[in-house]
Amino acid sequence: LSEMVVEGILTNIPLHRELMVDARFIEGGTNIHYLEHKLASKPDLPKETGIGAKSEVKVADLKADL
């Protein structure tokens, strides 16, 4: 995930990065409501970027040959 680069669109990569270092998640102390509670405890996060620090948002330039 640390090497993932997607240009042009917002992704949930920062959320996954946060989960990979979350002690409770790593220990397996989660249930189906874990993510809902985790997100609710961080109301200051921008909705479009999810959890995590600065998101590198990049996407490949795709061109269709018609």
PDB file of N, CA and C in Angstrom:
ATOM      1  N   LEU A   1       0.811  -1.206   0.000  1.00  0.00           N
ATOM      2  CA  LEU A   1       0.000   0.000   0.000  1.00  0.00           C
ATOM      3  C   LEU A   1       0.848   1.262   0.000  1.00  0.00           C
ATOM      4  N   SER A   2       1.993   1.219   0.629  1.00  0.00           N
ATOM      5  CA  SER A   2       2.829   2.420   0.682  1.00  0.00           C
ATOM      6  C   SER A   2       3.366   2.799  -0.696  1.00  0.00           C
ATOM      7  N   GLU A   3       3.387   1.858  -1.614  1.00  0.00           N
ATOM      8  CA  GLU A   3       3.882   2.132  -2.960  1.00  0.00           C
ATOM      9  C   GLU A   3       2.764   2.401  -3.957  1.00  0.00           C
ATOM     10  N   MET A   4       1.519   2.277  -3.527  1.00  0.00           N
ATOM     11  CA  MET A   4       0.373   2.450  -4.413  1.00  0.00           C
ATOM     12  C   MET A   4       0.235   3.903  -4.835  1.00  0.00           C
ATOM     13  N   VAL A   5       0.118   4.136  -6.131  1.00  0.00           N
ATOM     14  CA  VAL A   5      -0.089   5.481  -6.665  1.00  0.00           C
ATOM     15  C   VAL A   5      -1.245   5.417  -7.652  1.00  0.00           C
ATOM     16  N   VAL A   6      -2.277   6.196  -7.401  1.00  0.00           N
ATOM     17  CA  VAL A   6      -3.432   6.283  -8.288  1.00  0.00           C
ATOM     18  C   VAL A   6      -3.655   7.760  -8.557  1.00  0.00           C
ATOM     19  N   GLU A   7      -3.691   8.159  -9.810  1.00  0.00           N
ATOM     20  CA  GLU A   7      -3.852   9.569 -10.160  1.00  0.00           C
ATOM     21  C   GLU A   7      -5.257   9.855 -10.656  1.00  0.00           C
ATOM     22  N   GLY A   8      -5.763  11.043 -10.340  1.00  0.00           N
ATOM     23  CA  GLY A   8      -7.002  11.529 -10.931  1.00  0.00           C
ATOM     24  C   GLY A   8      -8.285  11.219 -10.193  1.00  0.00           C
ATOM     25  N   ILE A   9      -8.263  10.276  -9.277  1.00  0.00           N
ATOM     26  CA  ILE A   9      -9.468   9.945  -8.518  1.00  0.00           C
ATOM     27  C   ILE A   9      -9.111   9.796  -7.043  1.00  0.00           C
ATOM     28  N   LEU A  10     -10.096   9.974  -6.202  1.00  0.00           N
ATOM     29  CA  LEU A  10      -9.898   9.755  -4.770  1.00  0.00           C
ATOM     30  C   LEU A  10     -10.052   8.271  -4.482  1.00  0.00           C
ATOM     31  N   THR A  11      -9.251   7.769  -3.556  1.00  0.00           N
ATOM     32  CA  THR A  11      -9.310   6.351  -3.208  1.00  0.00           C
ATOM     33  C   THR A  11      -9.445   6.183  -1.701  1.00  0.00           C
ATOM     34  N   ASN A  12      -9.650   4.957  -1.275  1.00  0.00           N
ATOM     35  CA  ASN A  12      -9.684   4.665   0.160  1.00  0.00           C
ATOM     36  C   ASN A  12      -8.353   4.064   0.630  1.00  0.00           C
ATOM     37  N   ILE A  13      -7.299   4.283  -0.124  1.00  0.00           N
ATOM     38  CA  ILE A  13      -5.975   3.784   0.250  1.00  0.00           C
ATOM     39  C   ILE A  13      -5.543   4.297   1.625  1.00  0.00           C
ATOM     40  N   PRO A  14      -5.767   5.581   1.944  1.00  0.00           N
ATOM     41  CA  PRO A  14      -5.387   6.039   3.286  1.00  0.00           C
ATOM     42  C   PRO A  14      -6.090   5.259   4.403  1.00  0.00           C
ATOM     43  N   LEU A  15      -7.320   4.867   4.178  1.00  0.00           N
ATOM     44  CA  LEU A  15      -8.049   4.058   5.154  1.00  0.00           C
ATOM     45  C   LEU A  15      -7.347   2.724   5.362  1.00  0.00           C
ATOM     46  N   HIS A  16      -6.969   2.072   4.297  1.00  0.00           N
ATOM     47  CA  HIS A  16      -6.297   0.776   4.401  1.00  0.00           C
ATOM     48  C   HIS A  16      -4.927   0.907   5.061  1.00  0.00           C
ATOM     49  N   ARG A  17      -4.223   1.992   4.762  1.00  0.00           N
ATOM     50  CA  ARG A  17      -2.932   2.232   5.424  1.00  0.00           C
ATOM     51  C   ARG A  17      -3.126   2.371   6.929  1.00  0.00           C
ATOM     52  N   GLU A  18      -4.153   3.103   7.328  1.00  0.00           N
ATOM     53  CA  GLU A  18      -4.454   3.294   8.752  1.00  0.00           C
ATOM     54  C   GLU A  18      -4.787   1.957   9.418  1.00  0.00           C
ATOM     55  N   LEU A  19      -5.572   1.131   8.754  1.00  0.00           N
ATOM     56  CA  LEU A  19      -5.949  -0.163   9.329  1.00  0.00           C
ATOM     57  C   LEU A  19      -4.745  -1.089   9.498  1.00  0.00           C
ATOM     58  N   MET A  20      -3.773  -0.999   8.602  1.00  0.00           N
ATOM     59  CA  MET A  20      -2.603  -1.875   8.673  1.00  0.00           C
ATOM     60  C   MET A  20      -1.704  -1.577   9.871  1.00  0.00           C
ATOM     61  N   VAL A  21      -1.868  -0.412  10.507  1.00  0.00           N
ATOM     62  CA  VAL A  21      -1.068  -0.077  11.689  1.00  0.00           C
ATOM     63  C   VAL A  21      -1.932   0.060  12.942  1.00  0.00           C
ATOM     64  N   ASP A  22      -3.207  -0.232  12.831  1.00  0.00           N
ATOM     65  CA  ASP A  22      -4.141  -0.133  13.953  1.00  0.00           C
ATOM     66  C   ASP A  22      -3.996  -1.379  14.840  1.00  0.00           C
ATOM     67  N   ALA A  23      -3.569  -1.176  16.086  1.00  0.00           N
ATOM     68  CA  ALA A  23      -3.292  -2.301  16.996  1.00  0.00           C
ATOM     69  C   ALA A  23      -4.501  -3.214  17.175  1.00  0.00           C
ATOM     70  N   ARG A  24      -5.665  -2.643  17.377  1.00  0.00           N
ATOM     71  CA  ARG A  24      -6.860  -3.473  17.596  1.00  0.00           C
ATOM     72  C   ARG A  24      -7.184  -4.299  16.353  1.00  0.00           C
ATOM     73  N   PHE A  25      -7.049  -3.697  15.191  1.00  0.00           N
ATOM     74  CA  PHE A  25      -7.309  -4.415  13.947  1.00  0.00           C
ATOM     75  C   PHE A  25      -6.300  -5.550  13.769  1.00  0.00           C
ATOM     76  N   ILE A  26      -5.033  -5.274  14.032  1.00  0.00           N
ATOM     77  CA  ILE A  26      -3.974  -6.283  13.893  1.00  0.00           C
ATOM     78  C   ILE A  26      -4.192  -7.453  14.845  1.00  0.00           C
ATOM     79  N   GLU A  27      -4.616  -7.164  16.068  1.00  0.00           N
ATOM     80  CA  GLU A  27      -4.852  -8.209  17.066  1.00  0.00           C
ATOM     81  C   GLU A  27      -6.096  -9.038  16.764  1.00  0.00           C
ATOM     82  N   GLY A  28      -6.945  -8.549  15.878  1.00  0.00           N
ATOM     83  CA  GLY A  28      -8.163  -9.275  15.541  1.00  0.00           C
ATOM     84  C   GLY A  28      -9.324  -8.949  16.455  1.00  0.00           C
ATOM     85  N   GLY A  29      -9.205  -7.894  17.238  1.00  0.00           N
ATOM     86  CA  GLY A  29     -10.280  -7.513  18.151  1.00  0.00           C
ATOM     87  C   GLY A  29     -11.327  -6.651  17.488  1.00  0.00           C
ATOM     88  N   THR A  30     -11.819  -7.095  16.340  1.00  0.00           N
ATOM     89  CA  THR A  30     -12.798  -6.299  15.599  1.00  0.00           C
ATOM     90  C   THR A  30     -14.030  -7.125  15.280  1.00  0.00           C
ATOM     91  N   ASN A  31     -15.081  -6.421  14.898  1.00  0.00           N
ATOM     92  CA  ASN A  31     -16.301  -7.085  14.438  1.00  0.00           C
ATOM     93  C   ASN A  31     -16.849  -6.293  13.256  1.00  0.00           C
ATOM     94  N   ILE A  32     -18.052  -6.610  12.825  1.00  0.00           N
ATOM     95  CA  ILE A  32     -18.593  -5.953  11.635  1.00  0.00           C
ATOM     96  C   ILE A  32     -18.868  -4.472  11.848  1.00  0.00           C
ATOM     97  N   HIS A  33     -18.872  -4.011  13.082  1.00  0.00           N
ATOM     98  CA  HIS A  33     -19.136  -2.601  13.373  1.00  0.00           C
ATOM     99  C   HIS A  33     -17.859  -1.800  13.616  1.00  0.00           C
ATOM    100  N   TYR A  34     -16.708  -2.451  13.579  1.00  0.00           N
ATOM    101  CA  TYR A  34     -15.445  -1.797  13.916  1.00  0.00           C
ATOM    102  C   TYR A  34     -15.169  -0.566  13.053  1.00  0.00           C
ATOM    103  N   LEU A  35     -15.260  -0.711  11.764  1.00  0.00           N
ATOM    104  CA  LEU A  35     -14.951   0.396  10.862  1.00  0.00           C
ATOM    105  C   LEU A  35     -15.929   1.555  11.058  1.00  0.00           C
ATOM    106  N   GLU A  36     -17.182   1.240  11.231  1.00  0.00           N
ATOM    107  CA  GLU A  36     -18.197   2.274  11.482  1.00  0.00           C
ATOM    108  C   GLU A  36     -17.838   3.086  12.730  1.00  0.00           C
ATOM    109  N   HIS A  37     -17.454   2.417  13.800  1.00  0.00           N
ATOM    110  CA  HIS A  37     -17.085   3.104  15.045  1.00  0.00           C
ATOM    111  C   HIS A  37     -15.773   3.882  14.879  1.00  0.00           C
ATOM    112  N   LYS A  38     -14.831   3.309  14.164  1.00  0.00           N
ATOM    113  CA  LYS A  38     -13.545   3.979  13.948  1.00  0.00           C
ATOM    114  C   LYS A  38     -13.745   5.276  13.173  1.00  0.00           C
ATOM    115  N   LEU A  39     -14.539   5.235  12.129  1.00  0.00           N
ATOM    116  CA  LEU A  39     -14.791   6.429  11.329  1.00  0.00           C
ATOM    117  C   LEU A  39     -15.581   7.471  12.114  1.00  0.00           C
ATOM    118  N   ALA A  40     -16.518   7.028  12.941  1.00  0.00           N
ATOM    119  CA  ALA A  40     -17.318   7.952  13.748  1.00  0.00           C
ATOM    120  C   ALA A  40     -16.461   8.668  14.787  1.00  0.00           C
ATOM    121  N   SER A  41     -15.389   8.030  15.227  1.00  0.00           N
ATOM    122  CA  SER A  41     -14.529   8.639  16.240  1.00  0.00           C
ATOM    123  C   SER A  41     -13.578   9.677  15.648  1.00  0.00           C
ATOM    124  N   LYS A  42     -13.595   9.828  14.337  1.00  0.00           N
ATOM    125  CA  LYS A  42     -12.731  10.799  13.661  1.00  0.00           C
ATOM    126  C   LYS A  42     -13.576  11.696  12.752  1.00  0.00           C
ATOM    127  N   PRO A  43     -14.481  12.499  13.321  1.00  0.00           N
ATOM    128  CA  PRO A  43     -15.397  13.307  12.509  1.00  0.00           C
ATOM    129  C   PRO A  43     -14.713  14.423  11.729  1.00  0.00           C
ATOM    130  N   ASP A  44     -13.491  14.775  12.069  1.00  0.00           N
ATOM    131  CA  ASP A  44     -12.784  15.854  11.389  1.00  0.00           C
ATOM    132  C   ASP A  44     -12.138  15.424  10.077  1.00  0.00           C
ATOM    133  N   LEU A  45     -12.219  14.146   9.756  1.00  0.00           N
ATOM    134  CA  LEU A  45     -11.619  13.665   8.518  1.00  0.00           C
ATOM    135  C   LEU A  45     -12.462  14.069   7.318  1.00  0.00           C
ATOM    136  N   PRO A  46     -11.817  14.482   6.235  1.00  0.00           N
ATOM    137  CA  PRO A  46     -12.567  14.747   5.007  1.00  0.00           C
ATOM    138  C   PRO A  46     -13.197  13.453   4.511  1.00  0.00           C
ATOM    139  N   LYS A  47     -14.452  13.484   4.184  1.00  0.00           N
ATOM    140  CA  LYS A  47     -15.166  12.276   3.753  1.00  0.00           C
ATOM    141  C   LYS A  47     -14.559  11.673   2.486  1.00  0.00           C
ATOM    142  N   GLU A  48     -14.081  12.514   1.584  1.00  0.00           N
ATOM    143  CA  GLU A  48     -13.603  11.998   0.313  1.00  0.00           C
ATOM    144  C   GLU A  48     -12.229  11.358   0.373  1.00  0.00           C
ATOM    145  N   THR A  49     -11.466  11.577   1.434  1.00  0.00           N
ATOM    146  CA  THR A  49     -10.144  10.964   1.494  1.00  0.00           C
ATOM    147  C   THR A  49     -10.057   9.846   2.512  1.00  0.00           C
ATOM    148  N   GLY A  50     -11.022   9.715   3.403  1.00  0.00           N
ATOM    149  CA  GLY A  50     -10.998   8.653   4.389  1.00  0.00           C
ATOM    150  C   GLY A  50      -9.972   8.907   5.469  1.00  0.00           C
ATOM    151  N   ILE A  51      -9.500   7.832   6.095  1.00  0.00           N
ATOM    152  CA  ILE A  51      -8.564   7.938   7.205  1.00  0.00           C
ATOM    153  C   ILE A  51      -7.148   7.985   6.671  1.00  0.00           C
ATOM    154  N   GLY A  52      -6.303   8.718   7.333  1.00  0.00           N
ATOM    155  CA  GLY A  52      -4.895   8.718   6.987  1.00  0.00           C
ATOM    156  C   GLY A  52      -4.374  10.108   6.729  1.00  0.00           C
ATOM    157  N   ALA A  53      -3.106  10.164   6.543  1.00  0.00           N
ATOM    158  CA  ALA A  53      -2.457  11.433   6.257  1.00  0.00           C
ATOM    159  C   ALA A  53      -2.727  11.805   4.807  1.00  0.00           C
ATOM    160  N   LYS A  54      -1.955  12.712   4.316  1.00  0.00           N
ATOM    161  CA  LYS A  54      -2.099  13.181   2.945  1.00  0.00           C
ATOM    162  C   LYS A  54      -2.178  12.007   1.973  1.00  0.00           C
ATOM    163  N   SER A  55      -3.201  12.023   1.159  1.00  0.00           N
ATOM    164  CA  SER A  55      -3.413  10.951   0.199  1.00  0.00           C
ATOM    165  C   SER A  55      -2.759  11.292  -1.133  1.00  0.00           C
ATOM    166  N   GLU A  56      -2.019  10.347  -1.666  1.00  0.00           N
ATOM    167  CA  GLU A  56      -1.472  10.539  -3.000  1.00  0.00           C
ATOM    168  C   GLU A  56      -2.498   9.998  -3.973  1.00  0.00           C
ATOM    169  N   VAL A  57      -3.154  10.917  -4.647  1.00  0.00           N
ATOM    170  CA  VAL A  57      -4.228  10.518  -5.542  1.00  0.00           C
ATOM    171  C   VAL A  57      -3.778  10.742  -6.978  1.00  0.00           C
ATOM    172  N   LYS A  58      -3.574   9.648  -7.667  1.00  0.00           N
ATOM    173  CA  LYS A  58      -3.106   9.734  -9.050  1.00  0.00           C
ATOM    174  C   LYS A  58      -3.741   8.612  -9.864  1.00  0.00           C
ATOM    175  N   VAL A  59      -3.926   8.841 -11.139  1.00  0.00           N
ATOM    176  CA  VAL A  59      -4.513   7.805 -12.001  1.00  0.00           C
ATOM    177  C   VAL A  59      -3.760   7.743 -13.321  1.00  0.00           C
ATOM    178  N   ALA A  60      -3.677   6.586 -13.862  1.00  0.00           N
ATOM    179  CA  ALA A  60      -2.998   6.434 -15.145  1.00  0.00           C
ATOM    180  C   ALA A  60      -3.772   7.172 -16.226  1.00  0.00           C
ATOM    181  N   ASP A  61      -3.054   7.720 -17.180  1.00  0.00           N
ATOM    182  CA  ASP A  61      -3.670   8.417 -18.299  1.00  0.00           C
ATOM    183  C   ASP A  61      -4.040   7.361 -19.341  1.00  0.00           C
ATOM    184  N   LEU A  62      -5.330   7.124 -19.477  1.00  0.00           N
ATOM    185  CA  LEU A  62      -5.804   6.096 -20.401  1.00  0.00           C
ATOM    186  C   LEU A  62      -6.393   6.744 -21.651  1.00  0.00           C
ATOM    187  N   LYS A  63      -6.037   6.243 -22.796  1.00  0.00           N
ATOM    188  CA  LYS A  63      -6.570   6.755 -24.059  1.00  0.00           C
ATOM    189  C   LYS A  63      -7.127   5.586 -24.855  1.00  0.00           C
ATOM    190  N   ALA A  64      -8.334   5.783 -25.333  1.00  0.00           N
ATOM    191  CA  ALA A  64      -8.965   4.732 -26.133  1.00  0.00           C
ATOM    192  C   ALA A  64      -8.717   5.005 -27.615  1.00  0.00           C
ATOM    193  N   ASP A  65      -8.302   3.999 -28.315  1.00  0.00           N
ATOM    194  CA  ASP A  65      -8.138   4.106 -29.768  1.00  0.00           C
ATOM    195  C   ASP A  65      -9.440   3.673 -30.414  1.00  0.00           C
ATOM    196  N   LEU A  66     -10.092   4.633 -31.043  1.00  0.00           N
ATOM    197  CA  LEU A  66     -11.370   4.329 -31.708  1.00  0.00           C
ATOM    198  C   LEU A  66     -11.213   4.270 -33.191  1.00  0.00           C
TER     199      LEU A  66
END
